Each structure stands twice: as structure tokens, then as C-alpha cells.
N, C-alpha and C. Protein backbone atom coordinates (compact mmCIF):
# COMPACT_ATOMS: atom_id res chain seq x y z
N MET A 1 204.63 128.89 57.40
CA MET A 1 203.35 127.66 57.90
C MET A 1 203.35 127.86 56.66
N ARG A 2 203.41 126.55 55.88
CA ARG A 2 202.09 125.88 54.71
C ARG A 2 200.77 125.89 54.64
N GLY A 3 199.68 126.23 54.08
CA GLY A 3 198.89 126.01 54.19
C GLY A 3 198.20 126.66 55.56
N MET A 4 198.45 127.25 55.89
CA MET A 4 197.99 128.13 57.45
C MET A 4 197.22 129.67 57.21
N ASN A 5 196.31 130.00 56.70
CA ASN A 5 195.66 130.97 56.49
C ASN A 5 195.75 131.86 58.28
N LYS A 6 195.01 132.85 57.88
CA LYS A 6 195.10 134.02 59.18
C LYS A 6 194.40 133.14 60.42
N GLN A 7 193.00 132.49 59.95
CA GLN A 7 192.07 131.99 60.55
C GLN A 7 192.68 131.38 61.31
N SER A 8 193.42 130.21 61.20
CA SER A 8 194.14 129.09 61.41
C SER A 8 195.49 129.39 62.64
N VAL A 9 195.74 130.45 61.64
CA VAL A 9 196.80 130.58 62.71
C VAL A 9 196.38 131.42 64.02
N THR A 10 195.04 132.27 64.06
CA THR A 10 194.68 132.76 65.05
C THR A 10 193.93 131.91 66.10
N ARG A 11 193.36 130.78 65.39
CA ARG A 11 192.92 129.59 66.21
C ARG A 11 193.83 128.76 67.26
N LEU A 12 195.19 128.58 66.46
CA LEU A 12 196.40 127.89 67.35
C LEU A 12 196.76 128.76 68.28
N ALA A 13 196.94 130.12 68.17
CA ALA A 13 197.06 131.00 69.07
C ALA A 13 196.14 130.59 70.41
N TRP A 14 194.79 130.86 70.05
CA TRP A 14 194.02 130.65 70.92
C TRP A 14 194.05 129.09 71.70
N ALA A 15 194.51 128.20 71.36
CA ALA A 15 194.46 126.72 71.71
C ALA A 15 195.96 126.85 72.39
N PHE A 16 196.66 127.66 72.52
CA PHE A 16 198.11 127.82 73.25
C PHE A 16 197.60 128.80 74.36
N ALA A 17 196.77 129.77 73.97
CA ALA A 17 196.67 130.55 75.26
C ALA A 17 195.80 130.18 76.24
N LEU A 18 194.37 128.95 76.00
CA LEU A 18 193.73 128.54 76.36
C LEU A 18 194.56 127.44 77.57
N SER A 19 195.44 126.56 76.58
CA SER A 19 196.34 125.51 77.12
C SER A 19 196.93 125.93 78.45
N TYR A 20 197.93 127.19 77.92
CA TYR A 20 198.57 127.44 79.19
C TYR A 20 197.89 128.42 79.81
N ALA A 21 197.11 129.03 80.09
CA ALA A 21 195.93 129.37 81.17
C ALA A 21 195.75 128.54 81.77
N THR A 22 195.19 127.26 81.41
CA THR A 22 194.95 125.77 82.52
C THR A 22 196.39 125.26 82.95
N ALA A 23 197.57 125.59 82.39
CA ALA A 23 198.84 125.21 82.69
C ALA A 23 199.04 126.28 83.90
N GLY A 24 199.05 127.80 83.73
CA GLY A 24 199.01 128.52 84.81
C GLY A 24 198.83 128.86 85.79
N ILE A 25 196.96 128.57 85.82
CA ILE A 25 196.25 128.49 86.89
C ILE A 25 196.47 127.01 88.17
N GLY A 26 196.90 126.21 87.13
CA GLY A 26 196.87 125.03 88.05
C GLY A 26 198.95 125.02 88.65
N GLY A 27 199.68 125.59 88.14
CA GLY A 27 200.90 126.32 88.36
C GLY A 27 201.20 126.96 89.51
N ALA A 28 200.05 127.96 89.41
CA ALA A 28 199.86 129.09 90.63
C ALA A 28 199.01 128.19 92.27
N LEU A 29 198.38 127.20 91.98
CA LEU A 29 197.92 126.68 92.59
C LEU A 29 199.20 125.78 93.50
N THR A 30 199.95 125.61 92.97
CA THR A 30 201.25 124.28 93.17
C THR A 30 202.10 125.27 94.23
N ASP A 31 201.93 124.92 95.15
CA ASP A 31 202.87 125.60 96.60
C ASP A 31 203.80 124.18 96.73
N LEU A 32 205.10 124.29 96.63
CA LEU A 32 206.40 123.39 96.52
C LEU A 32 207.23 123.55 98.16
N GLY A 33 206.08 123.80 99.22
CA GLY A 33 206.38 124.58 100.69
C GLY A 33 207.15 123.27 101.18
N PRO A 34 206.72 124.15 102.77
CA PRO A 34 207.31 123.23 103.72
C PRO A 34 206.17 122.00 104.06
N TRP A 35 204.88 121.99 103.79
CA TRP A 35 203.33 120.90 103.41
C TRP A 35 204.51 119.90 102.65
N TYR A 36 204.58 120.41 101.41
CA TYR A 36 204.89 119.53 100.50
C TYR A 36 206.19 118.35 100.90
N PHE A 37 207.42 119.48 100.96
CA PHE A 37 208.47 118.83 101.53
C PHE A 37 208.38 117.44 102.47
N ALA A 38 207.45 117.92 103.01
CA ALA A 38 207.67 117.32 104.95
C ALA A 38 207.03 115.82 104.18
N LEU A 39 206.63 115.54 103.12
CA LEU A 39 205.64 114.35 102.55
C LEU A 39 206.81 113.45 102.25
N ASN A 40 206.48 112.28 103.03
CA ASN A 40 207.00 110.82 102.21
C ASN A 40 206.90 110.60 101.18
N HIS A 41 208.07 110.50 100.12
CA HIS A 41 207.42 110.10 98.39
C HIS A 41 207.61 108.78 98.52
N PRO A 42 207.61 107.96 97.47
CA PRO A 42 208.15 106.81 96.61
C PRO A 42 209.11 107.40 95.82
N ALA A 43 209.87 105.84 96.16
CA ALA A 43 211.63 106.40 95.83
C ALA A 43 211.67 106.74 94.59
N TRP A 44 210.90 106.42 93.44
CA TRP A 44 211.05 106.27 92.40
C TRP A 44 209.85 107.28 91.95
N LYS A 45 210.39 108.25 92.30
CA LYS A 45 208.69 109.92 92.06
C LYS A 45 210.38 110.29 91.50
N PRO A 46 210.05 111.16 90.29
CA PRO A 46 210.73 111.91 89.29
C PRO A 46 211.10 113.00 90.15
N PRO A 47 212.24 113.52 89.56
CA PRO A 47 212.76 115.15 90.64
C PRO A 47 212.14 116.13 90.85
N ASP A 48 211.76 116.90 91.29
CA ASP A 48 210.40 117.82 90.87
C ASP A 48 211.31 118.67 89.85
N ALA A 49 212.07 119.14 89.38
CA ALA A 49 212.36 119.89 88.42
C ALA A 49 211.55 118.98 87.18
N ALA A 50 211.57 117.77 86.77
CA ALA A 50 211.23 116.87 85.98
C ALA A 50 209.61 118.01 85.55
N PHE A 51 208.85 117.70 86.77
CA PHE A 51 207.42 117.90 86.68
C PHE A 51 207.21 119.43 85.69
N GLY A 52 207.62 120.60 85.67
CA GLY A 52 207.92 121.60 85.05
C GLY A 52 207.87 120.97 83.31
N VAL A 53 209.04 120.43 83.13
CA VAL A 53 209.08 119.98 81.74
C VAL A 53 208.04 119.10 80.79
N ILE A 54 207.69 118.32 82.06
CA ILE A 54 206.33 116.98 81.44
C ILE A 54 204.89 117.77 80.69
N TRP A 55 204.56 118.71 82.35
CA TRP A 55 203.61 119.39 82.35
C TRP A 55 203.76 120.02 80.80
N SER A 56 204.64 120.93 80.67
CA SER A 56 204.75 122.31 79.34
C SER A 56 204.50 121.00 78.35
N THR A 57 205.61 119.82 78.25
CA THR A 57 205.25 118.98 76.94
C THR A 57 203.68 119.28 77.07
N ILE A 58 202.79 118.04 77.38
CA ILE A 58 201.60 118.10 78.25
C ILE A 58 201.29 119.13 77.05
N PHE A 59 201.08 120.33 77.94
CA PHE A 59 200.12 121.24 77.82
C PHE A 59 200.23 121.47 76.19
N THR A 60 201.41 121.73 75.80
CA THR A 60 201.44 122.25 74.52
C THR A 60 200.94 121.13 73.66
N LEU A 61 201.33 119.68 73.58
CA LEU A 61 200.65 119.05 72.90
C LEU A 61 198.66 118.71 72.66
N CYS A 62 198.61 118.89 73.86
CA CYS A 62 197.08 119.96 73.94
C CYS A 62 196.38 120.49 73.18
N ALA A 63 197.13 121.38 73.37
CA ALA A 63 197.26 123.09 72.22
C ALA A 63 197.27 122.48 71.08
N ILE A 64 197.99 121.57 70.38
CA ILE A 64 198.29 121.59 69.32
C ILE A 64 197.04 120.35 69.00
N SER A 65 196.37 119.49 70.01
CA SER A 65 195.13 118.56 69.45
C SER A 65 194.05 119.13 69.70
N GLY A 66 193.93 120.35 70.51
CA GLY A 66 192.36 120.98 70.36
C GLY A 66 192.50 121.92 69.48
N TRP A 67 193.75 122.48 68.53
CA TRP A 67 193.42 122.90 67.49
C TRP A 67 193.21 122.41 66.11
N LEU A 68 193.99 120.88 66.27
CA LEU A 68 193.70 119.74 64.75
C LEU A 68 192.08 119.72 64.90
N ALA A 69 191.56 119.49 66.30
CA ALA A 69 190.26 119.15 66.25
C ALA A 69 189.58 119.98 66.03
N TRP A 70 189.51 121.27 66.52
CA TRP A 70 188.81 122.41 65.99
C TRP A 70 189.14 122.29 64.84
N GLN A 71 190.15 122.28 64.05
CA GLN A 71 190.13 122.41 62.67
C GLN A 71 189.32 121.51 61.77
N ALA A 72 189.24 120.10 62.46
CA ALA A 72 188.95 118.96 61.66
C ALA A 72 187.42 119.51 61.87
N ALA A 73 186.62 120.03 62.97
CA ALA A 73 185.15 120.06 63.54
C ALA A 73 184.67 121.07 62.63
N HIS A 74 183.59 120.46 61.40
CA HIS A 74 183.16 121.53 60.84
C HIS A 74 181.77 121.97 60.80
N THR A 75 181.10 121.42 61.91
CA THR A 75 179.64 121.85 62.60
C THR A 75 179.73 122.41 63.55
N ARG A 76 178.94 123.30 64.26
CA ARG A 76 178.61 123.75 65.19
C ARG A 76 178.75 122.83 66.53
N VAL A 77 178.09 121.74 66.26
CA VAL A 77 178.22 120.74 67.45
C VAL A 77 179.29 119.93 67.80
N LEU A 78 179.97 119.81 66.78
CA LEU A 78 181.13 118.85 66.70
C LEU A 78 182.47 120.31 67.49
N ARG A 79 182.36 121.22 67.05
CA ARG A 79 182.73 122.52 67.84
C ARG A 79 182.57 122.57 69.46
N LEU A 80 181.37 122.50 69.74
CA LEU A 80 181.00 122.47 71.16
C LEU A 80 181.68 120.85 71.66
N ARG A 81 181.99 120.28 71.08
CA ARG A 81 181.87 118.97 71.82
C ARG A 81 183.34 118.76 71.63
N VAL A 82 183.99 119.69 71.05
CA VAL A 82 185.68 119.75 71.34
C VAL A 82 185.93 120.70 72.49
N ALA A 83 185.29 121.92 72.27
CA ALA A 83 185.52 122.90 73.49
C ALA A 83 184.47 122.33 74.98
N TRP A 84 183.74 121.54 75.24
CA TRP A 84 183.06 121.15 76.19
C TRP A 84 184.28 119.82 76.58
N LEU A 85 184.66 118.86 76.12
CA LEU A 85 185.36 118.27 76.25
C LEU A 85 187.11 118.24 76.97
N PHE A 86 187.44 119.58 76.03
CA PHE A 86 188.61 120.35 76.22
C PHE A 86 188.54 121.38 78.35
N GLY A 87 187.24 121.60 77.74
CA GLY A 87 186.80 122.18 78.73
C GLY A 87 186.63 121.74 80.23
N VAL A 88 185.63 120.55 80.02
CA VAL A 88 185.45 119.88 81.21
C VAL A 88 186.90 119.25 81.59
N ASN A 89 188.12 118.85 80.97
CA ASN A 89 189.28 118.26 81.31
C ASN A 89 190.05 119.28 81.51
N ALA A 90 190.16 120.67 81.48
CA ALA A 90 190.70 121.67 82.19
C ALA A 90 190.43 122.15 83.54
N VAL A 91 189.37 121.54 83.94
CA VAL A 91 188.44 122.10 85.40
C VAL A 91 188.89 121.08 86.09
N LEU A 92 188.71 119.53 86.06
CA LEU A 92 189.07 118.56 86.79
C LEU A 92 190.78 118.66 86.68
N ASN A 93 191.72 119.63 85.88
CA ASN A 93 193.09 119.69 85.94
C ASN A 93 193.49 120.49 87.35
N ILE A 94 192.59 121.53 87.06
CA ILE A 94 192.65 122.54 87.75
C ILE A 94 192.47 122.01 88.98
N VAL A 95 191.61 121.30 89.31
CA VAL A 95 190.66 121.23 90.49
C VAL A 95 191.88 120.26 91.41
N TRP A 96 192.24 119.33 90.46
CA TRP A 96 193.64 118.38 91.04
C TRP A 96 194.69 119.21 91.00
N SER A 97 195.25 120.08 91.27
CA SER A 97 196.08 120.86 91.63
C SER A 97 195.99 121.78 93.61
N ALA A 98 194.60 122.11 93.21
CA ALA A 98 193.68 122.38 94.43
C ALA A 98 193.59 121.81 95.29
N LEU A 99 193.08 120.59 95.45
CA LEU A 99 193.29 119.88 96.18
C LEU A 99 194.14 118.87 96.88
N TYR A 100 195.01 118.99 96.00
CA TYR A 100 196.51 118.40 96.16
C TYR A 100 197.41 119.46 96.83
N PHE A 101 197.36 120.31 96.38
CA PHE A 101 198.25 121.65 96.62
C PHE A 101 197.90 122.64 97.85
N LYS A 102 196.56 123.14 97.09
CA LYS A 102 196.18 124.42 97.87
C LYS A 102 195.18 123.58 99.38
N LEU A 103 194.37 122.75 99.52
CA LEU A 103 193.98 121.92 100.33
C LEU A 103 195.15 121.22 101.25
N GLN A 104 196.10 120.87 100.52
CA GLN A 104 196.81 119.76 101.09
C GLN A 104 196.02 118.62 101.49
N ARG A 105 195.25 118.34 100.32
CA ARG A 105 194.39 116.81 100.67
C ARG A 105 194.36 115.85 99.41
N PRO A 106 195.55 115.00 99.32
CA PRO A 106 196.29 114.43 98.42
C PRO A 106 195.46 112.73 98.55
N ASP A 107 194.54 112.78 99.50
CA ASP A 107 193.45 111.61 99.38
C ASP A 107 192.06 112.49 98.91
N TRP A 108 191.64 113.77 98.78
CA TRP A 108 190.71 113.90 97.94
C TRP A 108 191.15 113.79 96.47
N ALA A 109 192.33 114.65 96.43
CA ALA A 109 193.00 114.37 94.58
C ALA A 109 192.94 112.95 94.24
N LEU A 110 193.19 112.35 95.20
CA LEU A 110 192.99 111.07 94.41
C LEU A 110 192.18 110.72 94.09
N LEU A 111 190.98 110.90 95.15
CA LEU A 111 189.27 110.31 94.42
C LEU A 111 188.95 111.23 92.65
N GLU A 112 189.73 112.42 92.87
CA GLU A 112 189.51 113.14 91.94
C GLU A 112 189.90 113.06 90.79
N VAL A 113 191.31 112.11 90.86
CA VAL A 113 192.11 111.85 89.43
C VAL A 113 191.41 110.85 88.73
N VAL A 114 190.77 110.23 90.02
CA VAL A 114 190.08 108.83 88.53
C VAL A 114 189.08 110.09 87.83
N PHE A 115 188.47 111.21 87.43
CA PHE A 115 187.82 111.69 86.99
C PHE A 115 188.69 112.74 86.14
N LEU A 116 189.94 112.69 86.18
CA LEU A 116 190.51 113.18 85.39
C LEU A 116 191.21 112.80 83.81
N TRP A 117 191.33 111.58 84.89
CA TRP A 117 191.68 110.64 83.87
C TRP A 117 190.80 110.10 83.23
N LEU A 118 189.39 109.81 83.95
CA LEU A 118 188.24 109.25 82.73
C LEU A 118 188.02 110.46 81.53
N SER A 119 188.47 111.86 82.00
CA SER A 119 187.80 113.11 81.06
C SER A 119 189.05 112.94 79.87
N ILE A 120 190.29 112.52 80.03
CA ILE A 120 190.99 112.33 78.92
C ILE A 120 190.98 111.11 78.34
N VAL A 121 190.37 109.96 78.65
CA VAL A 121 189.93 108.79 77.94
C VAL A 121 189.00 109.68 76.79
N ALA A 122 188.08 110.13 77.78
CA ALA A 122 187.10 110.99 76.57
C ALA A 122 187.68 111.90 75.97
N LEU A 123 188.96 112.32 75.46
CA LEU A 123 189.28 113.33 74.91
C LEU A 123 189.62 112.40 73.91
N ILE A 124 190.20 111.82 74.20
CA ILE A 124 191.16 110.31 72.72
C ILE A 124 189.90 109.80 72.52
N VAL A 125 189.16 109.61 73.14
CA VAL A 125 188.16 108.44 72.19
C VAL A 125 186.81 109.63 71.50
N GLY A 126 186.97 110.82 72.01
CA GLY A 126 186.08 111.68 71.63
C GLY A 126 186.25 112.22 70.40
N LEU A 127 188.18 112.44 70.48
CA LEU A 127 188.31 113.08 69.16
C LEU A 127 188.63 112.29 67.85
N TRP A 128 188.83 110.89 68.23
CA TRP A 128 189.05 109.91 67.17
C TRP A 128 188.40 110.06 65.96
N ARG A 129 187.33 110.34 65.70
CA ARG A 129 186.31 110.25 64.40
C ARG A 129 187.03 111.93 63.37
N LEU A 130 186.99 112.65 64.67
CA LEU A 130 187.55 113.93 63.99
C LEU A 130 188.73 113.91 63.32
N SER A 131 189.98 113.83 64.38
CA SER A 131 191.08 113.89 63.96
C SER A 131 191.82 112.74 64.89
N LYS A 132 192.80 111.69 64.11
CA LYS A 132 193.41 110.46 64.50
C LYS A 132 194.93 111.57 65.22
N TRP A 133 195.21 112.32 64.51
CA TRP A 133 196.45 112.47 65.31
C TRP A 133 196.15 113.91 66.59
N ALA A 134 194.80 114.29 66.52
CA ALA A 134 194.37 115.10 67.73
C ALA A 134 194.27 114.01 68.87
N SER A 135 194.06 113.14 68.45
CA SER A 135 193.63 112.35 69.74
C SER A 135 194.65 111.19 69.71
N MET A 136 195.70 111.11 69.35
CA MET A 136 197.03 110.30 69.80
C MET A 136 197.63 111.39 70.25
N LEU A 137 197.82 112.59 70.58
CA LEU A 137 198.83 113.55 70.55
C LEU A 137 198.29 113.50 72.25
N LEU A 138 197.24 112.94 72.96
CA LEU A 138 196.72 113.32 74.17
C LEU A 138 196.89 112.00 74.70
N LEU A 139 197.67 110.75 74.07
CA LEU A 139 198.22 109.60 74.76
C LEU A 139 199.43 110.05 75.93
N THR A 140 200.10 111.27 75.39
CA THR A 140 201.31 111.31 76.24
C THR A 140 200.40 111.62 78.21
N TYR A 141 199.46 112.80 77.52
CA TYR A 141 198.99 113.28 78.67
C TYR A 141 198.51 111.73 79.74
N TRP A 142 197.71 110.60 78.86
CA TRP A 142 196.84 109.94 79.70
C TRP A 142 197.79 108.90 80.18
N ILE A 143 198.87 109.17 79.45
CA ILE A 143 200.24 108.08 80.54
C ILE A 143 200.65 108.66 81.82
N TRP A 144 201.12 110.32 81.72
CA TRP A 144 201.57 110.86 82.92
C TRP A 144 200.92 110.67 83.82
N VAL A 145 199.69 110.92 83.43
CA VAL A 145 198.43 111.26 84.61
C VAL A 145 197.86 109.78 84.93
N SER A 146 197.97 108.87 84.45
CA SER A 146 198.06 107.20 85.04
C SER A 146 198.86 107.20 86.05
N ILE A 147 200.48 107.32 85.32
CA ILE A 147 201.59 107.47 86.52
C ILE A 147 201.25 108.66 87.71
N ALA A 148 200.69 109.52 87.41
CA ALA A 148 200.69 110.52 88.62
C ALA A 148 199.46 110.07 89.64
N ALA A 149 198.59 109.14 88.90
CA ALA A 149 197.72 108.45 90.22
C ALA A 149 198.16 107.55 90.71
N VAL A 150 199.39 106.56 89.95
CA VAL A 150 199.73 105.59 90.99
C VAL A 150 200.82 106.52 92.04
N LEU A 151 201.00 107.57 92.03
CA LEU A 151 202.09 108.79 92.57
C LEU A 151 201.65 109.27 93.47
N ASN A 152 200.10 109.52 92.88
CA ASN A 152 199.46 109.95 94.28
C ASN A 152 199.00 108.93 95.52
N LEU A 153 198.48 107.82 94.96
CA LEU A 153 198.04 107.04 95.55
C LEU A 153 199.45 106.53 96.81
N HIS A 154 200.39 106.53 96.26
CA HIS A 154 201.76 105.61 97.60
C HIS A 154 201.82 106.83 98.28
N THR A 155 201.62 108.24 97.97
CA THR A 155 202.24 109.24 98.47
C THR A 155 200.81 109.66 99.95
N VAL A 156 199.91 109.27 99.20
CA VAL A 156 198.53 108.71 100.06
C VAL A 156 198.42 107.23 101.41
N GLN A 157 199.42 106.44 100.56
CA GLN A 157 199.69 105.14 101.38
C GLN A 157 200.80 105.56 102.83
N LEU A 158 201.51 106.22 102.03
CA LEU A 158 203.20 106.66 102.82
C LEU A 158 202.79 107.20 103.32
N ASN A 159 201.72 108.39 104.00
CA ASN A 159 201.64 109.98 104.54
C ASN A 159 200.48 110.21 105.40
N GLY A 160 199.11 109.37 104.94
CA GLY A 160 198.02 109.40 105.59
C GLY A 160 197.42 108.96 106.94
N PRO A 161 196.56 109.70 107.43
CA PRO A 161 195.55 110.22 107.04
C PRO A 161 195.99 111.19 107.14
N PHE A 162 195.00 112.23 106.36
CA PHE A 162 195.55 113.54 105.71
C PHE A 162 194.47 114.38 106.60
N THR A 163 194.54 115.94 107.26
CA THR A 163 193.52 116.61 107.80
C THR A 163 193.32 117.42 107.44
N GLY A 164 194.08 118.39 106.69
CA GLY A 164 194.10 119.82 105.63
C GLY A 164 192.44 120.31 105.28
N GLY A 165 192.27 121.34 104.52
CA GLY A 165 191.25 121.64 104.08
C GLY A 165 190.69 122.43 105.30
């Protein structure tokens, strides 16, 4: 890796560890059991196998984005902004999985996904001045969560009301 010192490689490793930890927690909360398979899904829903590939790609891009932003953040205040933006987003990502799958409340997840979506917009906007690449790498995440929000809405419309949780 040309131009990468030990500190830079360590930061990249931390970015991947934190991103994949978020993915792992969300994945652990995702139970595709009988409840999920009994739901009516829109005809256009991607196959379940595609979700792992999509989320793996997104969390990889998030790790690279976070690393690029951290590398560009040359002050403590800027590094705190990067950490806060990604931290809030990680929590919201995990909470969505908990609401939808663990509590079996797609209706509550539909309300929460608005905040998740806004946190991605905040990341894209908040990182733009630090690193345009870091910001642009998050566009796939924003697009996917936009699609997932519509899928969530249609699932609620096809199956509500929900009483789990």
C-alpha cells in the first residue's frame, strides 16, 4: 500500500473492525425465522440472499469512508465530529434491526428508519468538506436505506397492524 504508514494501516483496521462490529450486532438481531417468512412481502423485494451481499458492501464502503474522513480530520474537533456522526448512525442502524426483527415491529422500525436515513444524510453532508470521497462512498448506503424504507413501508401496509414487542 503506497503512502500508508503503520498508523494509517492501524486506523484502517479500526475502521473495518468498528464497521463490521456494527454489521455483526445488526446481523445477530436479524432473525429470519417463521415470523419473518410468514410476512407478506412486496413482489419487488430482493431475494433474502441478496441482503447479505448488499450490507457487506455497504459496511465495507462505510469503513473506507470513515477511514478517509478520519485521515482528513486534522483537529480533535473534526475527529470528534467524524466519530459522533458514525457513532450515531451505527446505533440507529442497530436499533432498526432490533425493532424490525427482535421486537417484530416493522411499524416501529418504519418510524425509526427516518432517523437512520437522516443520519446518513448528516454523514454525507458532514464529511463533504473533510473528504469528498468519504462522503461519496456513503451514497450507496443512502440509496439502499431509501429503498429499504420503501420496502419497510410496503411490508407494514401488507401486514399491519403489528402487536409484537
